Amino acid sequence: MLADRVVAYLDDPRFEDMFWISYRVTPLTDDAELAARLLTPAYWRSDEGRTLTFRSRALGVFAPNAFASLGMDEPGRVAMRALYITPAVLAAALGPATPSPDETLAESRPRGWIARALRGLRRCFGGATSR
């Protein structure tokens, strides 16, 4: 977002390097000049590019720590780091009324590392879903 306007969305994630993921930039703005600049690496290195904020389309929550790489040179793509929503930001956005996963279950989950390992194995190998 730029000055409270949605100007583009990022999709087609691609792993680039440790902690860096590049995304295809799709301009959404009606301003043709801005749309063209969004596709250039120089824009993301500029002061204007550093003022952008990034919001999850699914949740509507901002990723507070996200920033673009200054070294990405592929037109139409931008490498990003920290483009995620922290648990604290998500909890604040959802509010205290949201129950934890354990509160929504009929029975509480077994605790301990063995129970977590078994749930992880079931998820990985497509076994029965864990509670």
C-alpha atoms as a PDB file:
ATOM      1  CA  MET A   1       0.000   0.000   0.000  1.00  0.00           C
ATOM      2  CA  LEU A   2       1.137   3.487  -0.764  1.00  0.00           C
ATOM      3  CA  ALA A   3      -0.571   6.344   1.075  1.00  0.00           C
ATOM      4  CA  ASP A   4      -3.533   4.106   1.996  1.00  0.00           C
ATOM      5  CA  ARG A   5      -4.038   2.982  -1.630  1.00  0.00           C
ATOM      6  CA  VAL A   6      -3.540  -0.534  -2.902  1.00  0.00           C
ATOM      7  CA  VAL A   7      -1.129  -0.111  -5.797  1.00  0.00           C
ATOM      8  CA  ALA A   8      -0.046  -3.695  -6.550  1.00  0.00           C
ATOM      9  CA  TYR A   9      -0.183  -7.258  -5.399  1.00  0.00           C
ATOM     10  CA  LEU A  10       2.604  -9.758  -5.101  1.00  0.00           C
ATOM     11  CA  ASP A  11       2.173 -13.351  -6.233  1.00  0.00           C
ATOM     12  CA  ASP A  12       4.117 -16.234  -7.813  1.00  0.00           C
ATOM     13  CA  PRO A  13       6.607 -16.620  -4.932  1.00  0.00           C
ATOM     14  CA  ARG A  14      10.025 -18.028  -5.844  1.00  0.00           C
ATOM     15  CA  PHE A  15      12.852 -18.920  -3.463  1.00  0.00           C
ATOM     16  CA  GLU A  16      15.944 -16.851  -4.267  1.00  0.00           C
ATOM     17  CA  ASP A  17      18.364 -17.126  -1.384  1.00  0.00           C
ATOM     18  CA  MET A  18      18.359 -17.739   2.344  1.00  0.00           C
ATOM     19  CA  PHE A  19      15.417 -15.708   3.725  1.00  0.00           C
ATOM     20  CA  TRP A  20      14.757 -13.988   0.362  1.00  0.00           C
ATOM     21  CA  ILE A  21      11.712 -14.823  -1.734  1.00  0.00           C
ATOM     22  CA  SER A  22      10.931 -12.994  -4.940  1.00  0.00           C
ATOM     23  CA  TYR A  23       7.401 -12.201  -6.071  1.00  0.00           C
ATOM     24  CA  ARG A  24       5.873 -11.142  -9.366  1.00  0.00           C
ATOM     25  CA  VAL A  25       4.591  -7.565  -9.102  1.00  0.00           C
ATOM     26  CA  THR A  26       1.157  -6.955 -10.615  1.00  0.00           C
ATOM     27  CA  PRO A  27       0.260  -3.251 -10.618  1.00  0.00           C
ATOM     28  CA  LEU A  28      -3.338  -2.449  -9.628  1.00  0.00           C
ATOM     29  CA  THR A  29      -3.143   1.319  -9.816  1.00  0.00           C
ATOM     30  CA  ASP A  30      -4.841   3.432 -12.496  1.00  0.00           C
ATOM     31  CA  ASP A  31      -1.777   5.695 -12.584  1.00  0.00           C
ATOM     32  CA  ALA A  32       0.113   4.427 -15.670  1.00  0.00           C
ATOM     33  CA  GLU A  33       3.363   6.096 -14.632  1.00  0.00           C
ATOM     34  CA  LEU A  34       3.320   4.515 -11.171  1.00  0.00           C
ATOM     35  CA  ALA A  35       2.365   1.120 -12.649  1.00  0.00           C
ATOM     36  CA  ALA A  36       5.390   1.255 -14.964  1.00  0.00           C
ATOM     37  CA  ARG A  37       7.712   2.307 -12.116  1.00  0.00           C
ATOM     38  CA  LEU A  38       6.479  -0.535  -9.883  1.00  0.00           C
ATOM     39  CA  LEU A  39       7.905  -3.010 -12.390  1.00  0.00           C
ATOM     40  CA  THR A  40      11.434  -1.575 -12.258  1.00  0.00           C
ATOM     41  CA  PRO A  41      14.118  -2.553  -9.731  1.00  0.00           C
ATOM     42  CA  ALA A  42      15.013   1.134  -9.351  1.00  0.00           C
ATOM     43  CA  TYR A  43      11.579   1.853  -7.827  1.00  0.00           C
ATOM     44  CA  TRP A  44      12.133  -0.651  -5.026  1.00  0.00           C
ATOM     45  CA  ARG A  45      15.484   0.973  -4.224  1.00  0.00           C
ATOM     46  CA  SER A  46      13.988   4.479  -4.126  1.00  0.00           C
ATOM     47  CA  ASP A  47      12.684   6.305  -1.080  1.00  0.00           C
ATOM     48  CA  GLU A  48       9.148   5.933  -2.426  1.00  0.00           C
ATOM     49  CA  GLY A  49       9.558   2.158  -2.670  1.00  0.00           C
ATOM     50  CA  ARG A  50      10.662   2.003   0.954  1.00  0.00           C
ATOM     51  CA  THR A  51       7.449   3.735   2.091  1.00  0.00           C
ATOM     52  CA  LEU A  52       5.220   0.892   0.878  1.00  0.00           C
ATOM     53  CA  THR A  53       3.405  -1.233   3.419  1.00  0.00           C
ATOM     54  CA  PHE A  54       2.439  -4.848   2.837  1.00  0.00           C
ATOM     55  CA  ARG A  55      -0.900  -6.348   3.810  1.00  0.00           C
ATOM     56  CA  SER A  56      -2.157  -9.921   3.628  1.00  0.00           C
ATOM     57  CA  ARG A  57      -4.986 -10.219   1.116  1.00  0.00           C
ATOM     58  CA  ALA A  58      -6.406 -13.167   3.050  1.00  0.00           C
ATOM     59  CA  LEU A  59      -6.390 -11.620   6.523  1.00  0.00           C
ATOM     60  CA  GLY A  60      -6.170  -7.880   5.930  1.00  0.00           C
ATOM     61  CA  VAL A  61      -3.336  -7.671   8.468  1.00  0.00           C
ATOM     62  CA  PHE A  62      -0.109  -5.785   7.790  1.00  0.00           C
ATOM     63  CA  ALA A  63       3.313  -7.463   7.798  1.00  0.00           C
ATOM     64  CA  PRO A  64       5.171  -4.944   9.982  1.00  0.00           C
ATOM     65  CA  ASN A  65       8.750  -6.032   9.265  1.00  0.00           C
ATOM     66  CA  ALA A  66       8.669  -6.583   5.482  1.00  0.00           C
ATOM     67  CA  PHE A  67      11.235  -4.941   3.245  1.00  0.00           C
ATOM     68  CA  ALA A  68      12.428  -5.264  -0.333  1.00  0.00           C
ATOM     69  CA  SER A  69      15.908  -6.221  -1.460  1.00  0.00           C
ATOM     70  CA  LEU A  70      18.036  -3.442  -2.844  1.00  0.00           C
ATOM     71  CA  GLY A  71      19.944  -5.898  -5.044  1.00  0.00           C
ATOM     72  CA  MET A  72      17.181  -7.540  -7.084  1.00  0.00           C
ATOM     73  CA  ASP A  73      17.614  -6.692 -10.760  1.00  0.00           C
ATOM     74  CA  GLU A  74      14.826  -8.647 -12.455  1.00  0.00           C
ATOM     75  CA  PRO A  75      12.126  -6.378 -13.929  1.00  0.00           C
ATOM     76  CA  GLY A  76       8.608  -7.269 -12.832  1.00  0.00           C
ATOM     77  CA  ARG A  77       9.781  -9.084  -9.683  1.00  0.00           C
ATOM     78  CA  VAL A  78      10.819  -7.956  -6.233  1.00  0.00           C
ATOM     79  CA  ALA A  79      12.712  -9.934  -3.610  1.00  0.00           C
ATOM     80  CA  MET A  80      11.209  -9.575  -0.159  1.00  0.00           C
ATOM     81  CA  ARG A  81      12.252 -10.494   3.319  1.00  0.00           C
ATOM     82  CA  ALA A  82      10.102 -10.778   6.460  1.00  0.00           C
ATOM     83  CA  LEU A  83       6.881 -10.756   4.453  1.00  0.00           C
ATOM     84  CA  TYR A  84       5.002 -12.573   7.178  1.00  0.00           C
ATOM     85  CA  ILE A  85       2.643 -11.754   9.998  1.00  0.00           C
ATOM     86  CA  THR A  86       4.000 -12.295  13.480  1.00  0.00           C
ATOM     87  CA  PRO A  87       1.871 -14.124  16.058  1.00  0.00           C
ATOM     88  CA  ALA A  88       1.696 -10.955  18.179  1.00  0.00           C
ATOM     89  CA  VAL A  89       0.393  -8.870  15.255  1.00  0.00           C
ATOM     90  CA  LEU A  90      -2.140 -11.553  14.357  1.00  0.00           C
ATOM     91  CA  ALA A  91      -3.335 -11.852  17.957  1.00  0.00           C
ATOM     92  CA  ALA A  92      -3.759  -8.079  18.203  1.00  0.00           C
ATOM     93  CA  ALA A  93      -5.681  -7.997  14.909  1.00  0.00           C
ATOM     94  CA  LEU A  94      -7.984 -10.847  15.872  1.00  0.00           C
ATOM     95  CA  GLY A  95      -8.582  -9.592  19.389  1.00  0.00           C
ATOM     96  CA  PRO A  96      -8.834 -11.471  22.671  1.00  0.00           C
ATOM     97  CA  ALA A  97     -12.200 -13.086  21.838  1.00  0.00           C
ATOM     98  CA  THR A  98     -10.647 -15.593  19.426  1.00  0.00           C
ATOM     99  CA  PRO A  99     -10.394 -19.005  21.104  1.00  0.00           C
ATOM    100  CA  SER A 100      -7.187 -20.985  20.931  1.00  0.00           C
ATOM    101  CA  PRO A 101      -7.240 -24.221  18.891  1.00  0.00           C
ATOM    102  CA  ASP A 102      -7.279 -26.244  22.119  1.00  0.00           C
ATOM    103  CA  GLU A 103     -10.429 -24.420  23.283  1.00  0.00           C
ATOM    104  CA  THR A 104     -12.312 -25.370  20.114  1.00  0.00           C
ATOM    105  CA  LEU A 105     -11.660 -29.107  20.431  1.00  0.00           C
ATOM    106  CA  ALA A 106     -14.042 -31.535  22.084  1.00  0.00           C
ATOM    107  CA  GLU A 107     -11.077 -33.082  23.880  1.00  0.00           C
ATOM    108  CA  SER A 108      -7.829 -31.358  24.691  1.00  0.00           C
ATOM    109  CA  ARG A 109      -4.733 -32.334  22.749  1.00  0.00           C
ATOM    110  CA  PRO A 110      -2.219 -34.576  24.421  1.00  0.00           C
ATOM    111  CA  ARG A 111       0.811 -32.550  25.392  1.00  0.00           C
ATOM    112  CA  GLY A 112       4.486 -33.434  25.096  1.00  0.00           C
ATOM    113  CA  TRP A 113       7.004 -33.952  22.369  1.00  0.00           C
ATOM    114  CA  ILE A 114       5.886 -37.490  21.486  1.00  0.00           C
ATOM    115  CA  ALA A 115       2.311 -36.357  20.843  1.00  0.00           C
ATOM    116  CA  ARG A 116       3.570 -33.447  18.696  1.00  0.00           C
ATOM    117  CA  ALA A 117       5.880 -35.769  16.756  1.00  0.00           C
ATOM    118  CA  LEU A 118       3.038 -38.198  16.051  1.00  0.00           C
ATOM    119  CA  ARG A 119       0.776 -35.363  14.846  1.00  0.00           C
ATOM    120  CA  GLY A 120       3.569 -34.143  12.563  1.00  0.00           C
ATOM    121  CA  LEU A 121       4.130 -37.624  11.127  1.00  0.00           C
ATOM    122  CA  ARG A 122       0.424 -38.050  10.480  1.00  0.00           C
ATOM    123  CA  ARG A 123       0.338 -34.733   8.630  1.00  0.00           C
ATOM    124  CA  CYS A 124       3.439 -35.579   6.574  1.00  0.00           C
ATOM    125  CA  PHE A 125       2.394 -39.072   5.582  1.00  0.00           C
ATOM    126  CA  GLY A 126      -1.332 -38.494   5.151  1.00  0.00           C
ATOM    127  CA  GLY A 127      -2.454 -40.653   8.032  1.00  0.00           C
ATOM    128  CA  ALA A 128      -5.502 -40.037  10.114  1.00  0.00           C
ATOM    129  CA  THR A 129      -5.918 -36.403  11.046  1.00  0.00           C
ATOM    130  CA  SER A 130      -4.968 -35.584  14.565  1.00  0.00           C
ATOM    131  CA  ARG A 131      -7.285 -33.971  16.965  1.00  0.00           C
END
